[in-house]
Amino acid sequence: MPGGLVQSLRKLAATLIAVVQTRLELLVTEIEEERLRVLHLLLWGCVALFFLAFGVLMLTFAVVVLFWDTHRLLVAVLLGAFYLAIGAIFVVVARRAARRSRLFATSLAELAKDRERLTSK
């Protein structure tokens, strides 16, 4: 009997180690996916930001030149205030997006399922 108990404990330990290993592999996979997603977002975000900024700069220059003889200072101040307001709105949007991170959501869900299965038996 003691040999059977020891063998059962070894199998249980091996199973637990396999479960932990699987969960760690899932965690590593999620970290890698998140890293790649963030890198892609940064790359495309920088490219988009560059071209958008250049376009806005050119349009601003064109509008100021258009009003050069009459209200160039007023136009420059209004455009600057407009850009600051748009920037403030996007700061708020970015902060909200940062709070909604779903990092490790799959791993946490799997661990919760494992815990539920272990406690229900």
PDB file of N, CA and C in Angstrom:
ATOM      1  N   MET A   1       0.795  -1.208   0.000  1.00  0.00           N
ATOM      2  CA  MET A   1       0.000   0.000   0.000  1.00  0.00           C
ATOM      3  C   MET A   1       0.840   1.277   0.000  1.00  0.00           C
ATOM      4  N   PRO A   2       1.895   1.362   0.858  1.00  0.00           N
ATOM      5  CA  PRO A   2       2.672   2.597   0.854  1.00  0.00           C
ATOM      6  C   PRO A   2       3.287   2.881  -0.512  1.00  0.00           C
ATOM      7  N   GLY A   3       3.676   1.825  -1.242  1.00  0.00           N
ATOM      8  CA  GLY A   3       4.239   2.042  -2.577  1.00  0.00           C
ATOM      9  C   GLY A   3       3.212   2.648  -3.513  1.00  0.00           C
ATOM     10  N   GLY A   4       1.962   2.213  -3.402  1.00  0.00           N
ATOM     11  CA  GLY A   4       0.891   2.768  -4.226  1.00  0.00           C
ATOM     12  C   GLY A   4       0.615   4.220  -3.885  1.00  0.00           C
ATOM     13  N   LEU A   5       0.716   4.558  -2.598  1.00  0.00           N
ATOM     14  CA  LEU A   5       0.497   5.931  -2.159  1.00  0.00           C
ATOM     15  C   LEU A   5       1.608   6.838  -2.677  1.00  0.00           C
ATOM     16  N   VAL A   6       2.845   6.360  -2.572  1.00  0.00           N
ATOM     17  CA  VAL A   6       3.986   7.140  -3.054  1.00  0.00           C
ATOM     18  C   VAL A   6       3.870   7.356  -4.562  1.00  0.00           C
ATOM     19  N   GLN A   7       3.486   6.298  -5.261  1.00  0.00           N
ATOM     20  CA  GLN A   7       3.326   6.404  -6.714  1.00  0.00           C
ATOM     21  C   GLN A   7       2.215   7.405  -7.062  1.00  0.00           C
ATOM     22  N   SER A   8       1.123   7.374  -6.327  1.00  0.00           N
ATOM     23  CA  SER A   8       0.023   8.319  -6.563  1.00  0.00           C
ATOM     24  C   SER A   8       0.460   9.754  -6.289  1.00  0.00           C
ATOM     25  N   LEU A   9       1.240   9.939  -5.221  1.00  0.00           N
ATOM     26  CA  LEU A   9       1.737  11.282  -4.906  1.00  0.00           C
ATOM     27  C   LEU A   9       2.688  11.784  -5.983  1.00  0.00           C
ATOM     28  N   ARG A  10       3.502  10.890  -6.520  1.00  0.00           N
ATOM     29  CA  ARG A  10       4.415  11.279  -7.605  1.00  0.00           C
ATOM     30  C   ARG A  10       3.627  11.687  -8.852  1.00  0.00           C
ATOM     31  N   LYS A  11       2.600  10.919  -9.170  1.00  0.00           N
ATOM     32  CA  LYS A  11       1.776  11.259 -10.332  1.00  0.00           C
ATOM     33  C   LYS A  11       1.058  12.589 -10.114  1.00  0.00           C
ATOM     34  N   LEU A  12       0.574  12.804  -8.897  1.00  0.00           N
ATOM     35  CA  LEU A  12      -0.084  14.066  -8.575  1.00  0.00           C
ATOM     36  C   LEU A  12       0.894  15.232  -8.711  1.00  0.00           C
ATOM     37  N   ALA A  13       2.104  15.056  -8.181  1.00  0.00           N
ATOM     38  CA  ALA A  13       3.123  16.106  -8.288  1.00  0.00           C
ATOM     39  C   ALA A  13       3.471  16.366  -9.750  1.00  0.00           C
ATOM     40  N   ALA A  14       3.606  15.299 -10.537  1.00  0.00           N
ATOM     41  CA  ALA A  14       3.922  15.464 -11.956  1.00  0.00           C
ATOM     42  C   ALA A  14       2.798  16.203 -12.678  1.00  0.00           C
ATOM     43  N   THR A  15       1.565  15.882 -12.334  1.00  0.00           N
ATOM     44  CA  THR A  15       0.422  16.559 -12.949  1.00  0.00           C
ATOM     45  C   THR A  15       0.393  18.033 -12.568  1.00  0.00           C
ATOM     46  N   LEU A  16       0.631  18.326 -11.302  1.00  0.00           N
ATOM     47  CA  LEU A  16       0.652  19.720 -10.853  1.00  0.00           C
ATOM     48  C   LEU A  16       1.766  20.507 -11.532  1.00  0.00           C
ATOM     49  N   ILE A  17       2.925  19.882 -11.662  1.00  0.00           N
ATOM     50  CA  ILE A  17       4.043  20.546 -12.340  1.00  0.00           C
ATOM     51  C   ILE A  17       3.691  20.799 -13.803  1.00  0.00           C
ATOM     52  N   ALA A  18       3.039  19.834 -14.443  1.00  0.00           N
ATOM     53  CA  ALA A  18       2.638  20.012 -15.844  1.00  0.00           C
ATOM     54  C   ALA A  18       1.631  21.150 -15.985  1.00  0.00           C
ATOM     55  N   VAL A  19       0.699  21.241 -15.042  1.00  0.00           N
ATOM     56  CA  VAL A  19      -0.289  22.327 -15.081  1.00  0.00           C
ATOM     57  C   VAL A  19       0.400  23.675 -14.910  1.00  0.00           C
ATOM     58  N   VAL A  20       1.300  23.769 -13.947  1.00  0.00           N
ATOM     59  CA  VAL A  20       2.022  25.018 -13.715  1.00  0.00           C
ATOM     60  C   VAL A  20       2.862  25.380 -14.940  1.00  0.00           C
ATOM     61  N   GLN A  21       3.515  24.382 -15.530  1.00  0.00           N
ATOM     62  CA  GLN A  21       4.323  24.634 -16.718  1.00  0.00           C
ATOM     63  C   GLN A  21       3.457  25.159 -17.862  1.00  0.00           C
ATOM     64  N   THR A  22       2.296  24.564 -18.059  1.00  0.00           N
ATOM     65  CA  THR A  22       1.394  25.015 -19.119  1.00  0.00           C
ATOM     66  C   THR A  22       0.958  26.455 -18.884  1.00  0.00           C
ATOM     67  N   ARG A  23       0.637  26.767 -17.643  1.00  0.00           N
ATOM     68  CA  ARG A  23       0.203  28.133 -17.327  1.00  0.00           C
ATOM     69  C   ARG A  23       1.341  29.129 -17.518  1.00  0.00           C
ATOM     70  N   LEU A  24       2.550  28.740 -17.159  1.00  0.00           N
ATOM     71  CA  LEU A  24       3.689  29.636 -17.367  1.00  0.00           C
ATOM     72  C   LEU A  24       3.968  29.840 -18.853  1.00  0.00           C
ATOM     73  N   GLU A  25       3.834  28.777 -19.639  1.00  0.00           N
ATOM     74  CA  GLU A  25       4.016  28.913 -21.085  1.00  0.00           C
ATOM     75  C   GLU A  25       2.961  29.844 -21.672  1.00  0.00           C
ATOM     76  N   LEU A  26       1.737  29.731 -21.195  1.00  0.00           N
ATOM     77  CA  LEU A  26       0.672  30.626 -21.643  1.00  0.00           C
ATOM     78  C   LEU A  26       0.991  32.067 -21.266  1.00  0.00           C
ATOM     79  N   LEU A  27       1.492  32.261 -20.068  1.00  0.00           N
ATOM     80  CA  LEU A  27       1.857  33.596 -19.612  1.00  0.00           C
ATOM     81  C   LEU A  27       2.964  34.185 -20.478  1.00  0.00           C
ATOM     82  N   VAL A  28       3.981  33.384 -20.778  1.00  0.00           N
ATOM     83  CA  VAL A  28       5.087  33.851 -21.621  1.00  0.00           C
ATOM     84  C   VAL A  28       4.573  34.207 -23.015  1.00  0.00           C
ATOM     85  N   THR A  29       3.676  33.385 -23.541  1.00  0.00           N
ATOM     86  CA  THR A  29       3.103  33.663 -24.859  1.00  0.00           C
ATOM     87  C   THR A  29       2.327  34.976 -24.844  1.00  0.00           C
ATOM     88  N   GLU A  30       1.559  35.192 -23.801  1.00  0.00           N
ATOM     89  CA  GLU A  30       0.804  36.444 -23.697  1.00  0.00           C
ATOM     90  C   GLU A  30       1.729  37.648 -23.580  1.00  0.00           C
ATOM     91  N   ILE A  31       2.800  37.504 -22.833  1.00  0.00           N
ATOM     92  CA  ILE A  31       3.753  38.613 -22.703  1.00  0.00           C
ATOM     93  C   ILE A  31       4.360  38.935 -24.060  1.00  0.00           C
ATOM     94  N   GLU A  32       4.748  37.922 -24.804  1.00  0.00           N
ATOM     95  CA  GLU A  32       5.339  38.136 -26.124  1.00  0.00           C
ATOM     96  C   GLU A  32       4.326  38.783 -27.077  1.00  0.00           C
ATOM     97  N   GLU A  33       3.089  38.301 -27.064  1.00  0.00           N
ATOM     98  CA  GLU A  33       2.059  38.898 -27.918  1.00  0.00           C
ATOM     99  C   GLU A  33       1.822  40.357 -27.553  1.00  0.00           C
ATOM    100  N   GLU A  34       1.782  40.641 -26.276  1.00  0.00           N
ATOM    101  CA  GLU A  34       1.558  42.017 -25.833  1.00  0.00           C
ATOM    102  C   GLU A  34       2.732  42.911 -26.222  1.00  0.00           C
ATOM    103  N   ARG A  35       3.941  42.390 -26.109  1.00  0.00           N
ATOM    104  CA  ARG A  35       5.125  43.163 -26.499  1.00  0.00           C
ATOM    105  C   ARG A  35       5.080  43.495 -27.985  1.00  0.00           C
ATOM    106  N   LEU A  36       4.757  42.508 -28.809  1.00  0.00           N
ATOM    107  CA  LEU A  36       4.668  42.744 -30.250  1.00  0.00           C
ATOM    108  C   LEU A  36       3.545  43.724 -30.587  1.00  0.00           C
ATOM    109  N   ARG A  37       2.425  43.590 -29.896  1.00  0.00           N
ATOM    110  CA  ARG A  37       1.309  44.503 -30.144  1.00  0.00           C
ATOM    111  C   ARG A  37       1.697  45.940 -29.804  1.00  0.00           C
ATOM    112  N   VAL A  38       2.374  46.114 -28.685  1.00  0.00           N
ATOM    113  CA  VAL A  38       2.791  47.454 -28.274  1.00  0.00           C
ATOM    114  C   VAL A  38       3.817  48.021 -29.248  1.00  0.00           C
ATOM    115  N   LEU A  39       4.753  47.192 -29.701  1.00  0.00           N
ATOM    116  CA  LEU A  39       5.742  47.671 -30.666  1.00  0.00           C
ATOM    117  C   LEU A  39       5.081  48.094 -31.976  1.00  0.00           C
ATOM    118  N   HIS A  40       4.129  47.307 -32.451  1.00  0.00           N
ATOM    119  CA  HIS A  40       3.417  47.687 -33.672  1.00  0.00           C
ATOM    120  C   HIS A  40       2.630  48.980 -33.477  1.00  0.00           C
ATOM    121  N   LEU A  41       1.974  49.089 -32.331  1.00  0.00           N
ATOM    122  CA  LEU A  41       1.235  50.317 -32.052  1.00  0.00           C
ATOM    123  C   LEU A  41       2.160  51.532 -32.020  1.00  0.00           C
ATOM    124  N   LEU A  42       3.310  51.379 -31.390  1.00  0.00           N
ATOM    125  CA  LEU A  42       4.256  52.490 -31.330  1.00  0.00           C
ATOM    126  C   LEU A  42       4.774  52.862 -32.712  1.00  0.00           C
ATOM    127  N   LEU A  43       5.111  51.859 -33.496  1.00  0.00           N
ATOM    128  CA  LEU A  43       5.629  52.124 -34.836  1.00  0.00           C
ATOM    129  C   LEU A  43       4.604  52.862 -35.684  1.00  0.00           C
ATOM    130  N   TRP A  44       3.409  52.293 -35.794  1.00  0.00           N
ATOM    131  CA  TRP A  44       2.387  52.914 -36.635  1.00  0.00           C
ATOM    132  C   TRP A  44       1.916  54.234 -36.043  1.00  0.00           C
ATOM    133  N   GLY A  45       1.903  54.330 -34.742  1.00  0.00           N
ATOM    134  CA  GLY A  45       1.530  55.587 -34.111  1.00  0.00           C
ATOM    135  C   GLY A  45       2.523  56.693 -34.410  1.00  0.00           C
ATOM    136  N   CYS A  46       3.812  56.364 -34.380  1.00  0.00           N
ATOM    137  CA  CYS A  46       4.840  57.367 -34.691  1.00  0.00           C
ATOM    138  C   CYS A  46       4.769  57.807 -36.148  1.00  0.00           C
ATOM    139  N   VAL A  47       4.577  56.860 -37.046  1.00  0.00           N
ATOM    140  CA  VAL A  47       4.462  57.204 -38.467  1.00  0.00           C
ATOM    141  C   VAL A  47       3.242  58.096 -38.692  1.00  0.00           C
ATOM    142  N   ALA A  48       2.113  57.700 -38.127  1.00  0.00           N
ATOM    143  CA  ALA A  48       0.893  58.499 -38.284  1.00  0.00           C
ATOM    144  C   ALA A  48       1.064  59.880 -37.669  1.00  0.00           C
ATOM    145  N   LEU A  49       1.661  59.933 -36.494  1.00  0.00           N
ATOM    146  CA  LEU A  49       1.864  61.210 -35.821  1.00  0.00           C
ATOM    147  C   LEU A  49       2.750  62.138 -36.642  1.00  0.00           C
ATOM    148  N   PHE A  50       3.800  61.595 -37.228  1.00  0.00           N
ATOM    149  CA  PHE A  50       4.697  62.410 -38.047  1.00  0.00           C
ATOM    150  C   PHE A  50       3.937  63.050 -39.208  1.00  0.00           C
ATOM    151  N   PHE A  51       3.213  62.234 -39.965  1.00  0.00           N
ATOM    152  CA  PHE A  51       2.523  62.765 -41.133  1.00  0.00           C
ATOM    153  C   PHE A  51       1.352  63.676 -40.760  1.00  0.00           C
ATOM    154  N   LEU A  52       0.655  63.354 -39.695  1.00  0.00           N
ATOM    155  CA  LEU A  52      -0.415  64.239 -39.244  1.00  0.00           C
ATOM    156  C   LEU A  52       0.139  65.586 -38.777  1.00  0.00           C
ATOM    157  N   ALA A  53       1.222  65.551 -38.043  1.00  0.00           N
ATOM    158  CA  ALA A  53       1.828  66.797 -37.571  1.00  0.00           C
ATOM    159  C   ALA A  53       2.324  67.639 -38.741  1.00  0.00           C
ATOM    160  N   PHE A  54       2.922  66.987 -39.715  1.00  0.00           N
ATOM    161  CA  PHE A  54       3.400  67.714 -40.883  1.00  0.00           C
ATOM    162  C   PHE A  54       2.227  68.331 -41.648  1.00  0.00           C
ATOM    163  N   GLY A  55       1.148  67.585 -41.805  1.00  0.00           N
ATOM    164  CA  GLY A  55      -0.032  68.112 -42.485  1.00  0.00           C
ATOM    165  C   GLY A  55      -0.652  69.279 -41.743  1.00  0.00           C
ATOM    166  N   VAL A  56      -0.759  69.153 -40.434  1.00  0.00           N
ATOM    167  CA  VAL A  56      -1.319  70.243 -39.628  1.00  0.00           C
ATOM    168  C   VAL A  56      -0.421  71.472 -39.705  1.00  0.00           C
ATOM    169  N   LEU A  57       0.872  71.268 -39.678  1.00  0.00           N
ATOM    170  CA  LEU A  57       1.809  72.385 -39.787  1.00  0.00           C
ATOM    171  C   LEU A  57       1.632  73.112 -41.118  1.00  0.00           C
ATOM    172  N   MET A  58       1.519  72.355 -42.195  1.00  0.00           N
ATOM    173  CA  MET A  58       1.353  72.975 -43.509  1.00  0.00           C
ATOM    174  C   MET A  58       0.013  73.712 -43.616  1.00  0.00           C
ATOM    175  N   LEU A  59      -1.049  73.110 -43.095  1.00  0.00           N
ATOM    176  CA  LEU A  59      -2.352  73.785 -43.126  1.00  0.00           C
ATOM    177  C   LEU A  59      -2.347  75.050 -42.267  1.00  0.00           C
ATOM    178  N   THR A  60      -1.712  74.984 -41.125  1.00  0.00           N
ATOM    179  CA  THR A  60      -1.608  76.162 -40.262  1.00  0.00           C
ATOM    180  C   THR A  60      -0.855  77.276 -40.971  1.00  0.00           C
ATOM    181  N   PHE A  61       0.234  76.912 -41.589  1.00  0.00           N
ATOM    182  CA  PHE A  61       1.026  77.890 -42.340  1.00  0.00           C
ATOM    183  C   PHE A  61       0.179  78.511 -43.451  1.00  0.00           C
ATOM    184  N   ALA A  62      -0.583  77.687 -44.160  1.00  0.00           N
ATOM    185  CA  ALA A  62      -1.419  78.190 -45.250  1.00  0.00           C
ATOM    186  C   ALA A  62      -2.492  79.146 -44.731  1.00  0.00           C
ATOM    187  N   VAL A  63      -3.121  78.826 -43.611  1.00  0.00           N
ATOM    188  CA  VAL A  63      -4.167  79.695 -43.060  1.00  0.00           C
ATOM    189  C   VAL A  63      -3.568  81.012 -42.578  1.00  0.00           C
ATOM    190  N   VAL A  64      -2.432  80.965 -41.919  1.00  0.00           N
ATOM    191  CA  VAL A  64      -1.792  82.203 -41.451  1.00  0.00           C
ATOM    192  C   VAL A  64      -1.390  83.069 -42.641  1.00  0.00           C
ATOM    193  N   VAL A  65      -0.851  82.461 -43.689  1.00  0.00           N
ATOM    194  CA  VAL A  65      -0.481  83.221 -44.889  1.00  0.00           C
ATOM    195  C   VAL A  65      -1.724  83.829 -45.537  1.00  0.00           C
ATOM    196  N   LEU A  66      -2.824  83.084 -45.529  1.00  0.00           N
ATOM    197  CA  LEU A  66      -4.067  83.579 -46.110  1.00  0.00           C
ATOM    198  C   LEU A  66      -4.542  84.851 -45.406  1.00  0.00           C
ATOM    199  N   PHE A  67      -4.368  84.915 -44.087  1.00  0.00           N
ATOM    200  CA  PHE A  67      -4.799  86.079 -43.315  1.00  0.00           C
ATOM    201  C   PHE A  67      -3.632  87.011 -42.967  1.00  0.00           C
ATOM    202  N   TRP A  68      -2.545  86.937 -43.685  1.00  0.00           N
ATOM    203  CA  TRP A  68      -1.325  87.673 -43.350  1.00  0.00           C
ATOM    204  C   TRP A  68      -1.560  89.180 -43.268  1.00  0.00           C
ATOM    205  N   ASP A  69      -2.297  89.712 -44.201  1.00  0.00           N
ATOM    206  CA  ASP A  69      -2.464  91.169 -44.249  1.00  0.00           C
ATOM    207  C   ASP A  69      -3.507  91.694 -43.270  1.00  0.00           C
ATOM    208  N   THR A  70      -4.394  90.838 -42.785  1.00  0.00           N
ATOM    209  CA  THR A  70      -5.477  91.350 -41.940  1.00  0.00           C
ATOM    210  C   THR A  70      -5.378  90.890 -40.482  1.00  0.00           C
ATOM    211  N   HIS A  71      -5.467  89.595 -40.229  1.00  0.00           N
ATOM    212  CA  HIS A  71      -5.566  89.113 -38.847  1.00  0.00           C
ATOM    213  C   HIS A  71      -4.603  87.956 -38.569  1.00  0.00           C
ATOM    214  N   ARG A  72      -3.382  88.080 -38.979  1.00  0.00           N
ATOM    215  CA  ARG A  72      -2.452  86.950 -38.839  1.00  0.00           C
ATOM    216  C   ARG A  72      -2.227  86.557 -37.383  1.00  0.00           C
ATOM    217  N   LEU A  73      -2.120  87.526 -36.471  1.00  0.00           N
ATOM    218  CA  LEU A  73      -1.887  87.210 -35.066  1.00  0.00           C
ATOM    219  C   LEU A  73      -3.107  86.520 -34.449  1.00  0.00           C
ATOM    220  N   LEU A  74      -4.285  87.020 -34.744  1.00  0.00           N
ATOM    221  CA  LEU A  74      -5.512  86.408 -34.234  1.00  0.00           C
ATOM    222  C   LEU A  74      -5.652  84.969 -34.735  1.00  0.00           C
ATOM    223  N   VAL A  75      -5.399  84.754 -36.002  1.00  0.00           N
ATOM    224  CA  VAL A  75      -5.499  83.412 -36.582  1.00  0.00           C
ATOM    225  C   VAL A  75      -4.478  82.480 -35.939  1.00  0.00           C
ATOM    226  N   ALA A  76      -3.260  82.958 -35.744  1.00  0.00           N
ATOM    227  CA  ALA A  76      -2.220  82.124 -35.129  1.00  0.00           C
ATOM    228  C   ALA A  76      -2.609  81.743 -33.699  1.00  0.00           C
ATOM    229  N   VAL A  77      -3.134  82.686 -32.931  1.00  0.00           N
ATOM    230  CA  VAL A  77      -3.543  82.411 -31.548  1.00  0.00           C
ATOM    231  C   VAL A  77      -4.728  81.443 -31.519  1.00  0.00           C
ATOM    232  N   LEU A  78      -5.713  81.651 -32.373  1.00  0.00           N
ATOM    233  CA  LEU A  78      -6.878  80.764 -32.408  1.00  0.00           C
ATOM    234  C   LEU A  78      -6.487  79.346 -32.816  1.00  0.00           C
ATOM    235  N   LEU A  79      -5.629  79.226 -33.805  1.00  0.00           N
ATOM    236  CA  LEU A  79      -5.181  77.891 -34.212  1.00  0.00           C
ATOM    237  C   LEU A  79      -4.384  77.217 -33.094  1.00  0.00           C
ATOM    238  N   GLY A  80      -3.539  77.980 -32.413  1.00  0.00           N
ATOM    239  CA  GLY A  80      -2.786  77.423 -31.291  1.00  0.00           C
ATOM    240  C   GLY A  80      -3.703  76.939 -30.176  1.00  0.00           C
ATOM    241  N   ALA A  81      -4.720  77.733 -29.857  1.00  0.00           N
ATOM    242  CA  ALA A  81      -5.681  77.330 -28.823  1.00  0.00           C
ATOM    243  C   ALA A  81      -6.455  76.088 -29.256  1.00  0.00           C
ATOM    244  N   PHE A  82      -6.813  76.034 -30.525  1.00  0.00           N
ATOM    245  CA  PHE A  82      -7.516  74.865 -31.051  1.00  0.00           C
ATOM    246  C   PHE A  82      -6.655  73.611 -30.918  1.00  0.00           C
ATOM    247  N   TYR A  83      -5.382  73.709 -31.271  1.00  0.00           N
ATOM    248  CA  TYR A  83      -4.488  72.548 -31.179  1.00  0.00           C
ATOM    249  C   TYR A  83      -4.284  72.118 -29.729  1.00  0.00           C
ATOM    250  N   LEU A  84      -4.186  73.070 -28.823  1.00  0.00           N
ATOM    251  CA  LEU A  84      -4.053  72.725 -27.405  1.00  0.00           C
ATOM    252  C   LEU A  84      -5.301  72.013 -26.892  1.00  0.00           C
ATOM    253  N   ALA A  85      -6.473  72.467 -27.307  1.00  0.00           N
ATOM    254  CA  ALA A  85      -7.717  71.815 -26.879  1.00  0.00           C
ATOM    255  C   ALA A  85      -7.792  70.388 -27.414  1.00  0.00           C
ATOM    256  N   ILE A  86      -7.452  70.203 -28.670  1.00  0.00           N
ATOM    257  CA  ILE A  86      -7.456  68.860 -29.259  1.00  0.00           C
ATOM    258  C   ILE A  86      -6.447  67.970 -28.525  1.00  0.00           C
ATOM    259  N   GLY A  87      -5.273  68.507 -28.225  1.00  0.00           N
ATOM    260  CA  GLY A  87      -4.268  67.741 -27.486  1.00  0.00           C
ATOM    261  C   GLY A  87      -4.755  67.333 -26.107  1.00  0.00           C
ATOM    262  N   ALA A  88      -5.437  68.236 -25.413  1.00  0.00           N
ATOM    263  CA  ALA A  88      -5.968  67.916 -24.084  1.00  0.00           C
ATOM    264  C   ALA A  88      -7.024  66.816 -24.159  1.00  0.00           C
ATOM    265  N   ILE A  89      -7.856  66.861 -25.177  1.00  0.00           N
ATOM    266  CA  ILE A  89      -8.865  65.806 -25.351  1.00  0.00           C
ATOM    267  C   ILE A  89      -8.190  64.456 -25.542  1.00  0.00           C
ATOM    268  N   PHE A  90      -7.147  64.417 -26.351  1.00  0.00           N
ATOM    269  CA  PHE A  90      -6.477  63.146 -26.602  1.00  0.00           C
ATOM    270  C   PHE A  90      -5.674  62.657 -25.400  1.00  0.00           C
ATOM    271  N   VAL A  91      -5.222  63.559 -24.544  1.00  0.00           N
ATOM    272  CA  VAL A  91      -4.581  63.135 -23.295  1.00  0.00           C
ATOM    273  C   VAL A  91      -5.597  62.396 -22.431  1.00  0.00           C
ATOM    274  N   VAL A  92      -6.807  62.916 -22.345  1.00  0.00           N
ATOM    275  CA  VAL A  92      -7.866  62.256 -21.571  1.00  0.00           C
ATOM    276  C   VAL A  92      -8.197  60.894 -22.174  1.00  0.00           C
ATOM    277  N   VAL A  93      -8.313  60.838 -23.494  1.00  0.00           N
ATOM    278  CA  VAL A  93      -8.608  59.569 -24.171  1.00  0.00           C
ATOM    279  C   VAL A  93      -7.495  58.554 -23.914  1.00  0.00           C
ATOM    280  N   ALA A  94      -6.246  58.986 -23.996  1.00  0.00           N
ATOM    281  CA  ALA A  94      -5.113  58.080 -23.773  1.00  0.00           C
ATOM    282  C   ALA A  94      -5.089  57.561 -22.336  1.00  0.00           C
ATOM    283  N   ARG A  95      -5.389  58.408 -21.375  1.00  0.00           N
ATOM    284  CA  ARG A  95      -5.418  57.959 -19.975  1.00  0.00           C
ATOM    285  C   ARG A  95      -6.508  56.920 -19.750  1.00  0.00           C
ATOM    286  N   ARG A  96      -7.663  57.133 -20.346  1.00  0.00           N
ATOM    287  CA  ARG A  96      -8.746  56.152 -20.214  1.00  0.00           C
ATOM    288  C   ARG A  96      -8.359  54.828 -20.856  1.00  0.00           C
ATOM    289  N   ALA A  97      -7.718  54.892 -21.998  1.00  0.00           N
ATOM    290  CA  ALA A  97      -7.302  53.661 -22.680  1.00  0.00           C
ATOM    291  C   ALA A  97      -6.248  52.921 -21.866  1.00  0.00           C
ATOM    292  N   ALA A  98      -5.361  53.649 -21.208  1.00  0.00           N
ATOM    293  CA  ALA A  98      -4.314  53.014 -20.407  1.00  0.00           C
ATOM    294  C   ALA A  98      -4.896  52.307 -19.187  1.00  0.00           C
ATOM    295  N   ARG A  99      -5.990  52.799 -18.666  1.00  0.00           N
ATOM    296  CA  ARG A  99      -6.612  52.178 -17.491  1.00  0.00           C
ATOM    297  C   ARG A  99      -7.322  50.878 -17.828  1.00  0.00           C
ATOM    298  N   ARG A 100      -7.657  50.664 -19.093  1.00  0.00           N
ATOM    299  CA  ARG A 100      -8.409  49.482 -19.495  1.00  0.00           C
ATOM    300  C   ARG A 100      -7.498  48.363 -19.982  1.00  0.00           C
ATOM    301  N   SER A 101      -6.334  48.236 -19.439  1.00  0.00           N
ATOM    302  CA  SER A 101      -5.399  47.200 -19.868  1.00  0.00           C
ATOM    303  C   SER A 101      -5.945  45.812 -19.560  1.00  0.00           C
ATOM    304  N   ARG A 102      -5.806  44.900 -20.504  1.00  0.00           N
ATOM    305  CA  ARG A 102      -6.253  43.524 -20.320  1.00  0.00           C
ATOM    306  C   ARG A 102      -5.042  42.587 -20.337  1.00  0.00           C
ATOM    307  N   LEU A 103      -3.928  43.055 -19.831  1.00  0.00           N
ATOM    308  CA  LEU A 103      -2.717  42.259 -19.797  1.00  0.00           C
ATOM    309  C   LEU A 103      -2.924  41.032 -18.914  1.00  0.00           C
ATOM    310  N   PHE A 104      -2.577  39.883 -19.408  1.00  0.00           N
ATOM    311  CA  PHE A 104      -2.663  38.588 -18.719  1.00  0.00           C
ATOM    312  C   PHE A 104      -4.101  38.158 -18.452  1.00  0.00           C
ATOM    313  N   ALA A 105      -5.055  38.660 -19.191  1.00  0.00           N
ATOM    314  CA  ALA A 105      -6.458  38.305 -18.959  1.00  0.00           C
ATOM    315  C   ALA A 105      -6.692  36.811 -19.168  1.00  0.00           C
ATOM    316  N   THR A 106      -6.104  36.241 -20.214  1.00  0.00           N
ATOM    317  CA  THR A 106      -6.295  34.816 -20.487  1.00  0.00           C
ATOM    318  C   THR A 106      -5.655  33.968 -19.400  1.00  0.00           C
ATOM    319  N   SER A 107      -4.453  34.341 -18.980  1.00  0.00           N
ATOM    320  CA  SER A 107      -3.777  33.586 -17.922  1.00  0.00           C
ATOM    321  C   SER A 107      -4.569  33.643 -16.621  1.00  0.00           C
ATOM    322  N   LEU A 108      -5.051  34.820 -16.286  1.00  0.00           N
ATOM    323  CA  LEU A 108      -5.828  34.946 -15.055  1.00  0.00           C
ATOM    324  C   LEU A 108      -7.125  34.146 -15.137  1.00  0.00           C
ATOM    325  N   ALA A 109      -7.752  34.133 -16.298  1.00  0.00           N
ATOM    326  CA  ALA A 109      -8.981  33.351 -16.460  1.00  0.00           C
ATOM    327  C   ALA A 109      -8.696  31.860 -16.324  1.00  0.00           C
ATOM    328  N   GLU A 110      -7.604  31.392 -16.908  1.00  0.00           N
ATOM    329  CA  GLU A 110      -7.246  29.975 -16.798  1.00  0.00           C
ATOM    330  C   GLU A 110      -6.913  29.597 -15.362  1.00  0.00           C
ATOM    331  N   LEU A 111      -6.203  30.467 -14.655  1.00  0.00           N
ATOM    332  CA  LEU A 111      -5.895  30.191 -13.250  1.00  0.00           C
ATOM    333  C   LEU A 111      -7.168  30.155 -12.406  1.00  0.00           C
ATOM    334  N   ALA A 112      -8.109  31.030 -12.708  1.00  0.00           N
ATOM    335  CA  ALA A 112      -9.381  31.012 -11.979  1.00  0.00           C
ATOM    336  C   ALA A 112     -10.138  29.712 -12.248  1.00  0.00           C
ATOM    337  N   LYS A 113     -10.117  29.246 -13.500  1.00  0.00           N
ATOM    338  CA  LYS A 113     -10.755  27.962 -13.823  1.00  0.00           C
ATOM    339  C   LYS A 113     -10.075  26.819 -13.077  1.00  0.00           C
ATOM    340  N   ASP A 114      -8.739  26.842 -13.048  1.00  0.00           N
ATOM    341  CA  ASP A 114      -8.001  25.796 -12.332  1.00  0.00           C
ATOM    342  C   ASP A 114      -8.369  25.788 -10.853  1.00  0.00           C
ATOM    343  N   ARG A 115      -8.409  26.969 -10.256  1.00  0.00           N
ATOM    344  CA  ARG A 115      -8.755  27.064  -8.842  1.00  0.00           C
ATOM    345  C   ARG A 115     -10.165  26.539  -8.601  1.00  0.00           C
ATOM    346  N   GLU A 116     -11.084  26.890  -9.489  1.00  0.00           N
ATOM    347  CA  GLU A 116     -12.468  26.426  -9.360  1.00  0.00           C
ATOM    348  C   GLU A 116     -12.542  24.903  -9.458  1.00  0.00           C
ATOM    349  N   ARG A 117     -11.803  24.331 -10.392  1.00  0.00           N
ATOM    350  CA  ARG A 117     -11.809  22.875 -10.549  1.00  0.00           C
ATOM    351  C   ARG A 117     -11.223  22.180  -9.321  1.00  0.00           C
ATOM    352  N   LEU A 118     -10.155  22.762  -8.771  1.00  0.00           N
ATOM    353  CA  LEU A 118      -9.509  22.139  -7.615  1.00  0.00           C
ATOM    354  C   LEU A 118     -10.363  22.252  -6.356  1.00  0.00           C
ATOM    355  N   THR A 119     -11.052  23.365  -6.196  1.00  0.00           N
ATOM    356  CA  THR A 119     -11.853  23.536  -4.981  1.00  0.00           C
ATOM    357  C   THR A 119     -13.193  22.826  -5.061  1.00  0.00           C
ATOM    358  N   SER A 120     -13.659  22.510  -6.264  1.00  0.00           N
ATOM    359  CA  SER A 120     -14.966  21.851  -6.389  1.00  0.00           C
ATOM    360  C   SER A 120     -14.889  20.353  -6.150  1.00  0.00           C
ATOM    361  N   LYS A 121     -13.704  19.782  -6.145  1.00  0.00           N
ATOM    362  CA  LYS A 121     -13.567  18.325  -5.955  1.00  0.00           C
ATOM    363  C   LYS A 121     -13.434  17.966  -4.504  1.00  0.00           C
TER     364      LYS A 121
END
